Every structure is written in C-alpha cells, then in structure tokens.
C-alpha cells in the first residue's frame, strides 16, 4: 500500500511540474548550430592540453578529423606555424599550405594579422569574416588564438547575421 501511495504521489508531482512548465513562457533559444566565444576559447585550451599530453603528430592528426573531437557545430581548431603554414584546419585543402595571403570576406588579410599579433602577445582575440561551414555562407567571426610550442592554435565563433 505504501508503495502504491508513493507511485501516486510521484505521478501527481510529475503532472504538476508538467502543467507549471507548460504555462510558463520558454526563453528564446540561441541558434544551436552556433558556438559561443567562450566555447571557442575553451576549445583552444582543450586542444593545447591534448597537444601537451599526446605530442604534435598525434594532436595535429586529431585536429584535422572532421567529424572529430575538435569540431563542434561551427567551432573547429586551426593550427598555424608563425610563417602561416596551416597544420590543422577543418578544410583539408588548406592543410599544408601557406595562408599568409588569405583574405577574409571583406578583403582583410586575417591570417597575416593573426601572425603579427602573435609576435607581440601570447594570446588574443581577432575579428574578421569567414566562410561558416555549417551555414554555408560568409559571416562575421570572433577568433581566439593562443601560442604554444611555437605554434598558433585558434578557434572562433561565428556571429549570426
């Protein structure tokens, strides 16, 4: 009998919670396909930790996997040498190439700018526009970058337009 009362009480509480939830307005959800700047920074830190633990070769191979542990919606890790040679990128056509002269959607030399910033600081933020692989269009992007072991690790969050 006690067990039956317990089930009945649990059922009543669940129904009450559902009714209360149905009556309260739901907050507008952020677009699920977009990562945040906080998530982009965390991804860079996760990538550097993985690099430290597993070494350069294994880390670079993992960063280039798509899908993989370092691709989350529109967030992905890039790794460049100080000379702008791409070691890791979501687009395999960029890997192994010098990207110093790559321009963003507004004509800005964003990789060159990042390499120049990395000569003066160990980490930072950069704004530019770039092709969003999820949305399939050029969008504004905020990129976090950090130097480690002579390389520049980066990840950025696109800004919905």
Protein backbone atom coordinates (compact mmCIF):
# COMPACT_ATOMS: atom_id res chain seq x y z
CA UNK A 1 0.00 0.00 0.00
CA UNK A 2 2.86 2.42 0.84
CA UNK A 3 4.47 1.65 -2.48
CA UNK A 4 1.20 2.40 -4.30
CA UNK A 5 0.87 5.75 -2.47
CA UNK A 6 4.49 6.63 -3.34
CA UNK A 7 3.87 5.97 -7.05
CA UNK A 8 0.67 8.01 -6.94
CA UNK A 9 2.44 10.92 -5.20
CA UNK A 10 5.29 10.82 -7.75
CA UNK A 11 2.79 10.81 -10.61
CA UNK A 12 0.92 13.79 -9.17
CA UNK A 13 4.17 15.74 -8.73
CA UNK A 14 5.24 14.97 -12.31
CA UNK A 15 1.87 16.12 -13.67
CA UNK A 16 2.03 19.31 -11.59
CA UNK A 17 5.55 20.05 -12.88
CA UNK A 18 4.48 19.49 -16.50
CA UNK A 19 1.47 21.78 -16.07
CA UNK A 20 3.61 24.52 -14.49
CA UNK A 21 6.21 24.19 -17.28
CA UNK A 22 3.54 24.36 -19.99
CA UNK A 23 2.16 27.60 -18.53
CA UNK A 24 5.50 29.44 -18.26
CA UNK A 25 6.86 31.09 -21.41
CA UNK A 26 10.02 29.44 -22.72
CA UNK A 27 13.05 31.70 -23.28
CA UNK A 28 14.05 32.18 -26.89
CA UNK A 29 16.75 29.61 -27.64
CA UNK A 30 20.06 30.65 -29.12
CA UNK A 31 20.70 29.11 -32.51
CA UNK A 32 22.01 25.64 -31.64
CA UNK A 33 24.28 25.49 -34.65
CA UNK A 34 26.38 28.44 -33.42
CA UNK A 35 29.15 28.06 -30.87
CA UNK A 36 29.99 30.84 -28.44
CA UNK A 37 33.20 32.78 -27.91
CA UNK A 38 33.55 31.09 -24.51
CA UNK A 39 33.30 27.67 -26.20
CA UNK A 40 35.85 28.74 -28.83
CA UNK A 41 38.35 29.76 -26.15
CA UNK A 42 37.70 26.53 -24.24
CA UNK A 43 38.29 24.52 -27.43
CA UNK A 44 41.71 26.15 -27.91
CA UNK A 45 42.64 25.34 -24.31
CA UNK A 46 41.39 21.75 -24.79
CA UNK A 47 43.46 21.44 -27.99
CA UNK A 48 46.62 22.69 -26.28
CA UNK A 49 46.09 20.28 -23.37
CA UNK A 50 45.63 17.42 -25.87
CA UNK A 51 48.80 18.52 -27.70
CA UNK A 52 50.79 18.59 -24.45
CA UNK A 53 49.57 15.11 -23.47
CA UNK A 54 49.78 13.37 -26.86
CA UNK A 55 52.50 15.18 -28.80
CA UNK A 56 52.48 17.15 -32.01
CA UNK A 57 51.92 14.39 -34.59
CA UNK A 58 49.00 12.72 -32.83
CA UNK A 59 47.43 16.07 -31.93
CA UNK A 60 47.63 17.52 -35.44
CA UNK A 61 46.12 14.33 -36.88
CA UNK A 62 43.25 14.56 -34.38
CA UNK A 63 42.66 18.28 -35.04
CA UNK A 64 42.25 17.53 -38.76
CA UNK A 65 39.50 14.92 -38.26
CA UNK A 66 36.03 16.00 -39.32
CA UNK A 67 33.94 14.88 -37.62
CA UNK A 68 36.23 14.67 -34.62
CA UNK A 69 36.79 15.69 -31.03
CA UNK A 70 37.86 19.20 -32.10
CA UNK A 71 34.87 20.00 -34.31
CA UNK A 72 31.66 21.13 -32.59
CA UNK A 73 28.94 22.64 -34.76
CA UNK A 74 30.65 25.66 -36.36
CA UNK A 75 33.60 25.58 -33.94
CA UNK A 76 36.86 23.95 -35.03
CA UNK A 77 40.56 24.21 -34.22
CA UNK A 78 43.17 25.63 -36.57
CA UNK A 79 46.92 25.44 -36.02
CA UNK A 80 49.44 27.57 -37.89
CA UNK A 81 53.20 27.97 -37.81
CA UNK A 82 54.44 31.55 -37.24
CA UNK A 83 55.04 31.70 -41.02
CA UNK A 84 51.30 30.99 -41.61
CA UNK A 85 51.67 27.38 -42.77
CA UNK A 86 48.40 25.62 -41.92
CA UNK A 87 48.97 22.41 -39.94
CA UNK A 88 45.34 21.85 -38.94
CA UNK A 89 42.10 23.16 -40.41
CA UNK A 90 38.55 21.92 -40.96
CA UNK A 91 39.10 22.39 -44.71
CA UNK A 92 41.65 19.77 -45.81
CA UNK A 93 42.51 21.91 -48.87
CA UNK A 94 44.13 24.46 -46.55
CA UNK A 95 46.31 21.98 -44.63
CA UNK A 96 49.95 22.10 -45.69
CA UNK A 97 49.61 25.45 -47.45
CA UNK A 98 50.94 28.86 -46.56
CA UNK A 99 47.93 31.03 -45.79
CA UNK A 100 49.63 34.40 -45.24
CA UNK A 101 47.87 35.94 -48.26
CA UNK A 102 44.41 34.55 -47.48
CA UNK A 103 41.80 37.30 -47.31
CA UNK A 104 38.53 37.23 -45.43
CA UNK A 105 35.13 38.12 -46.87
CA UNK A 106 35.96 41.83 -46.61
CA UNK A 107 39.40 41.59 -48.19
CA UNK A 108 41.29 41.68 -44.88
CA UNK A 109 44.50 39.61 -44.57
CA UNK A 110 43.28 37.94 -41.38
CA UNK A 111 45.94 35.20 -41.12
CA UNK A 112 48.73 37.76 -41.62
CA UNK A 113 47.10 39.93 -38.95
CA UNK A 114 46.96 36.97 -36.52
CA UNK A 115 50.63 36.13 -37.13
CA UNK A 116 51.59 39.77 -36.48
CA UNK A 117 49.53 39.79 -33.26
CA UNK A 118 51.22 36.54 -32.17
CA UNK A 119 54.62 38.23 -32.47
CA UNK A 120 53.56 40.73 -29.80
CA UNK A 121 51.41 38.65 -27.42
CA UNK A 122 50.82 35.07 -26.27
CA UNK A 123 47.06 35.11 -26.86
CA UNK A 124 44.31 37.36 -28.08
CA UNK A 125 41.09 37.92 -29.99
CA UNK A 126 40.58 38.80 -33.62
CA UNK A 127 37.51 39.87 -35.61
CA UNK A 128 37.04 39.13 -39.30
CA UNK A 129 34.55 37.46 -41.62
CA UNK A 130 34.91 33.93 -42.95
CA UNK A 131 33.01 31.10 -44.54
CA UNK A 132 30.86 29.28 -41.98
CA UNK A 133 30.92 25.56 -42.93
CA UNK A 134 27.60 24.92 -41.15
CA UNK A 135 25.64 27.86 -42.58
CA UNK A 136 27.43 27.69 -45.95
CA UNK A 137 27.93 31.46 -46.09
CA UNK A 138 30.41 34.15 -45.07
CA UNK A 139 29.66 35.53 -41.60
CA UNK A 140 31.39 37.73 -39.01
CA UNK A 141 33.65 35.70 -36.74
CA UNK A 142 35.43 36.31 -33.42
CA UNK A 143 38.58 34.20 -33.16
CA UNK A 144 40.52 33.33 -30.00
CA UNK A 145 44.16 32.39 -30.57
CA UNK A 146 46.94 31.25 -28.28
CA UNK A 147 50.62 30.43 -28.80
CA UNK A 148 52.06 27.13 -27.62
CA UNK A 149 55.27 25.35 -28.60
CA UNK A 150 55.95 27.91 -31.33
CA UNK A 151 52.54 27.32 -32.97
CA UNK A 152 49.37 29.39 -33.06
CA UNK A 153 46.21 27.48 -32.01
CA UNK A 154 42.88 29.13 -32.76
CA UNK A 155 39.13 28.65 -32.76
CA UNK A 156 36.40 31.13 -33.47
CA UNK A 157 32.70 31.68 -33.03
CA UNK A 158 30.58 32.93 -35.88
CA UNK A 159 28.13 35.72 -35.18
CA UNK A 160 24.64 35.03 -36.58
CA UNK A 161 23.62 37.58 -39.19
